[in-house]
Protein backbone atom coordinates (compact mmCIF):
# COMPACT_ATOMS: atom_id res chain seq x y z
CA MET A 1 13.13 -4.59 -10.82
CA ARG A 2 11.16 -2.43 -13.26
CA VAL A 3 10.63 0.59 -11.05
CA ARG A 4 8.60 2.69 -13.48
CA GLU A 5 6.10 -0.12 -14.16
CA ARG A 6 5.68 -0.95 -10.50
CA ASN A 7 5.27 2.70 -9.52
CA ALA A 8 2.56 3.02 -12.18
CA ARG A 9 0.71 0.08 -10.60
CA VAL A 10 1.05 1.72 -7.17
CA VAL A 11 -0.46 4.93 -8.57
CA ALA A 12 -3.39 3.02 -10.06
CA ARG A 13 -3.97 1.05 -6.86
CA ALA A 14 -3.98 4.27 -4.84
CA GLY A 15 -6.67 5.70 -7.10
CA ALA A 16 -4.38 8.38 -8.53
CA THR A 17 -3.32 9.05 -12.12
CA LEU A 18 -0.02 9.54 -13.87
CA ASP A 19 0.83 13.14 -14.73
CA SER A 20 -0.34 13.97 -18.24
CA GLY A 21 0.17 17.72 -18.02
CA ALA A 22 -3.48 18.35 -17.18
CA GLU A 23 -4.42 20.59 -14.30
CA THR A 24 -4.93 18.71 -11.05
CA ALA A 25 -5.22 19.74 -7.42
CA ALA A 26 -1.99 18.08 -6.31
CA LEU A 27 1.18 16.70 -7.86
CA LEU A 28 3.62 14.09 -6.58
CA VAL A 29 7.04 14.08 -8.24
CA VAL A 30 8.90 10.78 -7.95
CA PRO A 31 12.52 10.52 -9.18
CA GLU A 32 13.37 7.57 -11.41
CA HIS A 33 15.52 5.98 -8.71
CA VAL A 34 12.73 5.96 -6.10
CA LEU A 35 10.26 3.12 -5.62
CA ILE A 36 7.00 4.00 -3.87
CA ASN A 37 4.29 2.07 -2.03
CA VAL A 38 0.57 2.70 -1.53
CA ALA A 39 1.24 3.70 2.09
CA LEU A 40 2.75 6.94 0.77
CA PHE A 41 -0.58 8.12 -0.66
CA LYS A 42 -2.38 7.43 2.61
CA ALA A 43 -0.03 9.80 4.44
CA LEU A 44 0.12 12.72 2.00
CA PRO A 45 -0.33 16.12 3.70
CA PRO A 46 -2.84 18.70 2.40
CA ALA A 47 -1.84 19.95 -1.05
CA ALA A 48 -0.38 23.42 -0.45
CA GLU A 49 3.20 24.67 -0.51
CA PRO A 50 5.64 22.03 -1.81
CA VAL A 51 7.22 19.73 0.77
CA ARG A 52 9.77 16.96 0.66
CA LEU A 53 8.52 13.57 1.83
CA VAL A 54 11.63 11.85 3.18
CA SER A 55 12.17 8.13 3.74
CA ALA A 56 12.80 6.89 7.27
CA ASP A 57 16.53 6.44 6.60
CA GLY A 58 16.80 9.84 4.88
CA ALA A 59 18.23 8.20 1.76
CA THR A 60 15.57 9.39 -0.65
CA SER A 61 12.63 11.75 -1.01
CA VAL A 62 9.79 12.86 -3.27
CA LEU A 63 8.23 16.26 -3.89
CA PHE A 64 4.54 16.94 -3.16
CA GLY A 65 2.23 19.92 -3.10
CA ALA A 66 -0.35 21.92 -5.02
CA THR A 67 0.19 21.32 -8.74
CA ASP A 68 0.85 24.93 -9.78
CA ARG A 69 3.27 25.50 -6.92
CA VAL A 70 5.13 22.25 -7.53
CA ARG A 71 5.49 23.09 -11.22
CA ALA A 72 6.77 26.54 -10.31
CA ARG A 73 9.32 25.00 -7.95
CA LEU A 74 10.47 22.57 -10.64
CA ALA A 75 10.87 25.47 -13.05
CA GLN A 76 13.32 27.09 -10.64
CA ARG A 77 16.16 24.72 -11.44
CA SER A 78 18.58 26.70 -9.31
CA ALA A 79 16.40 26.39 -6.22
CA ASP A 80 17.84 24.32 -3.45
CA ALA A 81 15.50 21.43 -2.63
CA GLY A 82 16.94 21.47 0.86
CA GLU A 83 15.06 24.70 1.55
CA LEU A 84 11.75 22.83 1.37
CA PRO A 85 10.09 21.62 4.57
CA ASN A 86 10.70 17.94 5.27
CA VAL A 87 7.84 15.58 6.12
CA ALA A 88 8.57 12.04 7.28
CA ALA A 89 7.13 9.40 4.95
CA PRO A 90 5.65 6.24 6.51
CA PRO A 91 8.11 3.37 7.02
CA GLY A 92 8.44 1.35 3.83
CA ALA A 93 6.67 3.97 1.69
CA LEU A 94 9.84 5.08 -0.13
CA HIS A 95 12.79 3.00 -1.28
CA ASP A 96 16.02 4.05 -2.96
CA VAL A 97 16.90 1.87 -5.96
CA SER A 98 19.74 3.95 -7.40
CA THR A 99 22.45 1.30 -6.96
CA PRO A 100 22.61 -2.51 -7.18
CA ALA A 101 23.09 -2.67 -3.41
CA SER A 102 20.02 -0.51 -2.75
CA VAL A 103 17.97 -2.57 -5.21
CA GLU A 104 18.93 -5.72 -3.28
CA ARG A 105 18.00 -4.11 0.05
CA THR A 106 14.68 -2.93 -1.34
CA SER A 107 13.87 -6.35 -2.81
CA ARG A 108 14.51 -8.02 0.53
CA ALA A 109 12.44 -5.42 2.39
CA LEU A 110 9.51 -5.83 0.01
CA LEU A 111 9.68 -9.61 0.29
CA ARG A 112 9.69 -9.45 4.09
CA ALA A 113 6.53 -7.36 3.88
CA THR A 114 4.74 -10.14 1.95
CA GLU A 115 4.40 -12.30 5.05
CA LYS A 116 0.74 -13.12 5.68
CA PRO A 117 -0.92 -12.79 9.09
CA THR A 118 -2.21 -16.35 8.59
CA ASP A 119 1.32 -17.78 8.28
CA GLY A 120 2.03 -20.38 10.94
CA TRP A 121 5.34 -21.25 12.57
CA VAL A 122 6.43 -23.61 9.78
CA SER A 123 5.76 -21.00 7.10
CA ARG A 124 7.38 -18.12 8.97
CA LYS A 125 10.48 -19.87 10.28
CA LEU A 126 11.18 -22.58 7.70
CA ASN A 127 9.38 -21.99 4.42
CA ARG A 128 9.47 -18.21 3.96
CA PRO A 129 13.27 -17.78 4.14
CA VAL A 130 13.66 -20.33 1.33
CA SER A 131 10.77 -19.09 -0.81
CA ARG A 132 11.97 -15.48 -0.50
CA PHE A 133 15.38 -16.51 -1.80
CA PHE A 134 13.78 -17.94 -4.95
CA SER A 135 11.33 -15.04 -5.24
CA ASN A 136 14.23 -12.60 -5.22
CA LEU A 137 16.21 -14.73 -7.68
CA PHE A 138 13.30 -15.12 -10.10
CA SER A 139 12.48 -11.42 -9.94
CA ARG A 140 16.08 -10.49 -10.74
CA MET A 141 15.94 -12.90 -13.69
CA GLY A 142 12.90 -11.04 -15.03
CA LEU A 143 10.51 -13.95 -14.46
CA ARG A 144 6.87 -13.55 -13.46
CA PRO A 145 4.63 -15.27 -10.89
CA GLY A 146 3.29 -17.62 -13.56
CA HIS A 147 6.79 -19.01 -14.11
CA ALA A 148 7.02 -19.78 -10.38
CA SER A 149 3.66 -21.59 -10.54
CA LEU A 150 4.98 -23.76 -13.38
CA MET A 151 8.15 -24.51 -11.41
CA CYS A 152 6.04 -25.49 -8.40
CA LEU A 153 4.02 -27.83 -10.61
CA ALA A 154 7.24 -29.37 -11.95
CA ILE A 155 8.47 -30.01 -8.39
CA GLY A 156 5.13 -31.59 -7.52
CA LEU A 157 5.32 -33.87 -10.56
CA ALA A 158 8.88 -34.83 -9.62
CA ALA A 159 7.59 -35.73 -6.15
CA ALA A 160 4.87 -37.88 -7.73
CA TRP A 161 7.38 -39.69 -9.95
CA SER A 162 9.60 -40.43 -6.97
CA LEU A 163 6.68 -41.66 -4.86
CA ALA A 164 5.75 -44.07 -7.65
CA GLN A 165 9.07 -45.89 -7.20
CA PRO A 166 8.82 -49.12 -5.13
CA THR A 167 11.81 -48.33 -2.92
CA TRP A 168 12.52 -46.67 0.40
CA LEU A 169 14.66 -44.08 -1.39
CA GLY A 170 11.82 -43.22 -3.76
CA LEU A 171 9.45 -42.74 -0.82
CA ALA A 172 11.95 -40.64 1.13
CA VAL A 173 12.88 -38.42 -1.82
CA GLY A 174 9.21 -38.09 -2.75
CA GLY A 175 8.40 -36.96 0.78
CA PHE A 176 11.13 -34.33 0.62
CA LEU A 177 10.02 -33.08 -2.80
CA PHE A 178 6.40 -32.91 -1.64
CA HIS A 179 7.58 -30.71 1.22
CA PHE A 180 9.75 -28.65 -1.12
CA ALA A 181 6.76 -28.11 -3.43
CA SER A 182 4.94 -26.72 -0.38
CA VAL A 183 7.87 -24.40 0.33
CA PHE A 184 8.07 -23.30 -3.30
CA ASP A 185 4.31 -22.73 -3.35
CA GLY A 186 4.92 -19.37 -1.67
CA VAL A 187 7.12 -18.01 -4.47
CA ASP A 188 4.41 -17.07 -6.97
CA GLY A 189 2.37 -15.28 -4.32
CA GLU A 190 5.38 -13.39 -3.00
CA MET A 191 6.39 -12.30 -6.48
CA ALA A 192 2.82 -11.21 -7.24
CA ARG A 193 2.51 -9.16 -4.05
CA VAL A 194 5.92 -7.50 -4.48
CA SER A 195 5.23 -6.57 -8.11
CA LEU A 196 1.54 -5.78 -7.38
CA ARG A 197 0.43 -8.35 -9.94
CA GLU A 198 -2.04 -10.17 -7.69
CA SER A 199 -5.17 -11.32 -9.48
CA PRO A 200 -8.09 -13.72 -8.95
CA ALA A 201 -6.82 -15.72 -11.93
CA GLY A 202 -3.39 -16.08 -10.33
CA ALA A 203 -4.93 -17.23 -7.05
CA LYS A 204 -6.99 -19.85 -8.91
CA ILE A 205 -3.91 -21.11 -10.74
CA ASP A 206 -2.08 -21.41 -7.43
CA THR A 207 -4.95 -23.36 -5.86
CA SER A 208 -5.29 -25.60 -8.93
CA VAL A 209 -1.58 -26.45 -8.85
CA ASP A 210 -1.85 -27.27 -5.14
CA ASN A 211 -4.84 -29.57 -5.61
CA PHE A 212 -3.35 -31.28 -8.66
CA THR A 213 -0.15 -31.91 -6.71
CA TYR A 214 -2.14 -33.48 -3.86
CA ILE A 215 -3.97 -35.89 -6.16
CA ALA A 216 -0.95 -36.70 -8.35
CA CYS A 217 1.24 -37.49 -5.35
CA LEU A 218 -1.44 -39.61 -3.67
CA VAL A 219 -2.08 -41.64 -6.83
CA ALA A 220 1.67 -42.03 -7.43
CA PHE A 221 2.08 -43.07 -3.80
CA GLY A 222 -0.43 -45.86 -4.46
CA VAL A 223 1.35 -46.89 -7.66
CA GLY A 224 4.62 -47.20 -5.77
CA TRP A 225 2.92 -49.24 -3.06
CA TYR A 226 1.30 -51.52 -5.66
CA ARG A 227 4.67 -52.08 -7.33
CA GLN A 228 6.24 -52.73 -3.94
CA GLY A 229 3.53 -55.18 -2.95
CA ILE A 230 0.22 -54.25 -1.30
CA THR A 231 -2.41 -56.40 0.40
CA PRO A 232 -5.97 -56.41 -1.00
CA GLU A 233 -7.24 -54.75 2.19
CA ASP A 234 -4.76 -51.90 1.94
CA LEU A 235 -5.49 -51.53 -1.78
CA TRP A 236 -9.19 -50.99 -1.14
CA LEU A 237 -8.39 -48.58 1.67
CA LEU A 238 -6.05 -46.69 -0.65
CA VAL A 239 -8.65 -46.44 -3.43
CA GLY A 240 -11.25 -45.23 -0.95
CA THR A 241 -8.81 -42.67 0.42
CA VAL A 242 -8.07 -41.26 -3.04
CA VAL A 243 -11.80 -40.84 -3.67
CA ALA A 244 -12.28 -39.29 -0.22
CA VAL A 245 -9.45 -36.82 -0.80
CA VAL A 246 -10.98 -35.69 -4.10
CA VAL A 247 -14.44 -35.29 -2.52
CA THR A 248 -12.97 -33.41 0.45
CA LEU A 249 -10.99 -31.03 -1.73
CA LEU A 250 -14.14 -30.29 -3.75
CA GLN A 251 -16.04 -29.56 -0.52
CA VAL A 252 -13.35 -27.20 0.71
CA LEU A 253 -13.14 -25.54 -2.70
CA ALA A 254 -16.91 -24.96 -2.73
CA PHE A 255 -16.80 -23.46 0.78
CA VAL A 256 -13.86 -21.21 -0.05
CA ARG A 257 -15.37 -20.01 -3.33
CA ARG A 258 -18.63 -19.14 -1.60
CA TYR A 259 -17.37 -17.42 1.54
CA ALA A 260 -13.66 -16.56 1.24
CA PRO A 261 -12.33 -13.20 0.03
CA ASP A 262 -9.73 -15.10 -2.02
CA ALA A 263 -9.04 -18.65 -3.17
CA SER A 264 -6.84 -19.63 -0.22
CA PHE A 265 -7.72 -22.89 1.54
CA VAL A 266 -6.26 -21.38 4.73
CA PHE A 267 -9.61 -19.57 5.03
CA LEU A 268 -11.26 -22.80 6.23
CA ASP A 269 -8.62 -23.21 8.94
CA THR A 270 -9.33 -19.62 10.02
CA CYS A 271 -13.08 -20.32 10.12
CA VAL A 272 -12.59 -23.42 12.28
CA LYS A 273 -10.57 -21.41 14.81
CA ARG A 274 -13.13 -18.60 14.73
CA ALA A 275 -16.04 -21.03 15.16
CA ALA A 276 -14.27 -22.71 18.09
CA ALA A 277 -13.84 -19.33 19.79
CA GLN A 278 -17.43 -18.27 19.08
CA THR A 279 -19.13 -21.48 20.22
CA GLY A 280 -16.70 -22.85 22.78
CA ARG A 281 -17.52 -26.38 21.57
CA LEU A 282 -14.89 -28.94 22.55
CA PRO A 283 -15.01 -30.80 19.19
CA LEU A 284 -14.34 -27.55 17.36
CA ARG A 285 -11.48 -26.67 19.69
CA VAL A 286 -9.95 -30.08 19.00
CA ALA A 287 -10.60 -29.64 15.28
CA ALA A 288 -8.86 -26.26 15.34
CA VAL A 289 -5.67 -28.00 16.48
CA ALA A 290 -6.10 -30.78 13.92
CA PHE A 291 -6.78 -28.34 11.09
CA TYR A 292 -3.49 -26.60 11.81
CA ALA A 293 -1.74 -29.91 11.12
CA LEU A 294 -3.77 -30.24 7.90
CA ARG A 295 -2.48 -26.98 6.47
CA ARG A 296 -0.29 -27.70 3.48
CA ASP A 297 2.91 -26.34 4.99
CA VAL A 298 2.55 -28.31 8.24
CA LEU A 299 1.19 -31.48 6.62
CA ALA A 300 3.98 -31.62 4.04
CA PHE A 301 6.59 -31.00 6.73
CA LEU A 302 5.24 -33.82 8.92
CA LEU A 303 4.79 -36.29 6.05
CA MET A 304 8.39 -35.70 5.00
CA PHE A 305 9.54 -37.22 8.29
CA VAL A 306 6.95 -40.02 8.21
CA ALA A 307 8.21 -40.94 4.73
CA LEU A 308 11.71 -41.39 6.11
CA GLY A 309 10.34 -44.27 8.17
CA GLY A 310 9.56 -46.13 4.95
CA SER A 311 6.05 -47.20 5.98
CA ARG A 312 3.48 -46.42 3.29
CA GLN A 313 0.78 -47.78 5.56
CA ALA A 314 1.63 -45.21 8.24
CA ILE A 315 1.37 -42.41 5.67
CA LEU A 316 -1.97 -43.73 4.44
CA TRP A 317 -3.46 -43.88 7.93
CA ALA A 318 -2.22 -40.36 8.64
CA VAL A 319 -4.05 -39.16 5.51
CA VAL A 320 -7.17 -41.14 6.47
CA ALA A 321 -7.19 -39.54 9.92
CA GLY A 322 -6.86 -36.07 8.44
CA ILE A 323 -9.65 -36.66 5.92
CA GLY A 324 -11.88 -38.00 8.68
CA VAL A 325 -11.37 -34.94 10.88
CA ALA A 326 -11.91 -32.57 7.97
CA ASN A 327 -15.16 -34.19 6.83
CA TYR A 328 -16.57 -34.53 10.34
CA THR A 329 -15.88 -30.86 11.04
CA MET A 330 -17.33 -29.60 7.76
CA LEU A 331 -20.47 -31.75 8.01
CA ALA A 332 -21.25 -31.77 11.74
CA HIS A 333 -20.41 -28.11 12.36
CA ARG A 334 -21.28 -26.51 9.03
CA ASP A 335 -23.66 -23.94 10.54
CA ALA A 336 -20.98 -22.74 12.95
CA LEU A 337 -18.42 -22.57 10.14
CA VAL A 338 -20.77 -20.54 7.93
CA ARG A 339 -21.45 -18.08 10.76
CA ALA A 340 -17.71 -17.79 11.35
CA ALA A 341 -17.09 -17.22 7.63
CA ARG A 342 -19.66 -14.42 7.54
CA SER A 343 -18.48 -12.71 10.72
């Protein structure tokens, strides 16, 4: 963990500046072994006599006060810092990273804090523990979020290759890898939020990888079915489903780009729930339940078990049902969804 670089990004995000020796109203002195968060700046007391801001566990602290008085205190090298008044820092605002053990604790704490309020049960209980393990591992290896996105793409392509095999094993392994790609999809976002490297470009890359994985796996699924032996009726249904999936993804992408604060497709699920609560319409309440099952984490988890049954037809009809619900909701209740998106 590159503490100095991350602390500099925290300073910039908080609207502060690094000390250049120029005269300023207040000065915050952060030791090299202390990692800070934006929450610290939101809780700073008035800049007056120097105080020690102490972490919740008392393991570390920073010095804050009026610039001239802080500089005078620092000049008194013999002064005992313990004589300064202590002010409790917000939980999670300060982290000690002076030892390998403390670095590990801090990494885990920061990763736990990356959980999104939109995370469902599958993400919180099943996916996040696994993705955090890889996020921590990749961070310790010095990798960046972009490397995790590439790894997620590689897993998705491996899933597609497996689904293209005309065997039960290929279908089962492909279903597992499709689910694992969904699990691994959280790694790049977690790494970005921990390192404060989030960006619109990164969000677009993440969404593009997701959508490409969907299409690649669906096409490969059809290839495997064709090699295995498919009836003309099922072949036409499969081709129509692939086209419908592409059209649906483009519709969702257009809605998200126009109304969402970020590129996450979960925004549409949130809008459906919000519209159901605002209008009380029964179809929207039913759609809210269905859209939860259409979220990538839940859908991939369910399809993994369906794939174990070995029936490609069952998987296809499950996808058809999901596409039908999604298109009906977006077309028949668009006005309600737009109002929900703007509220």
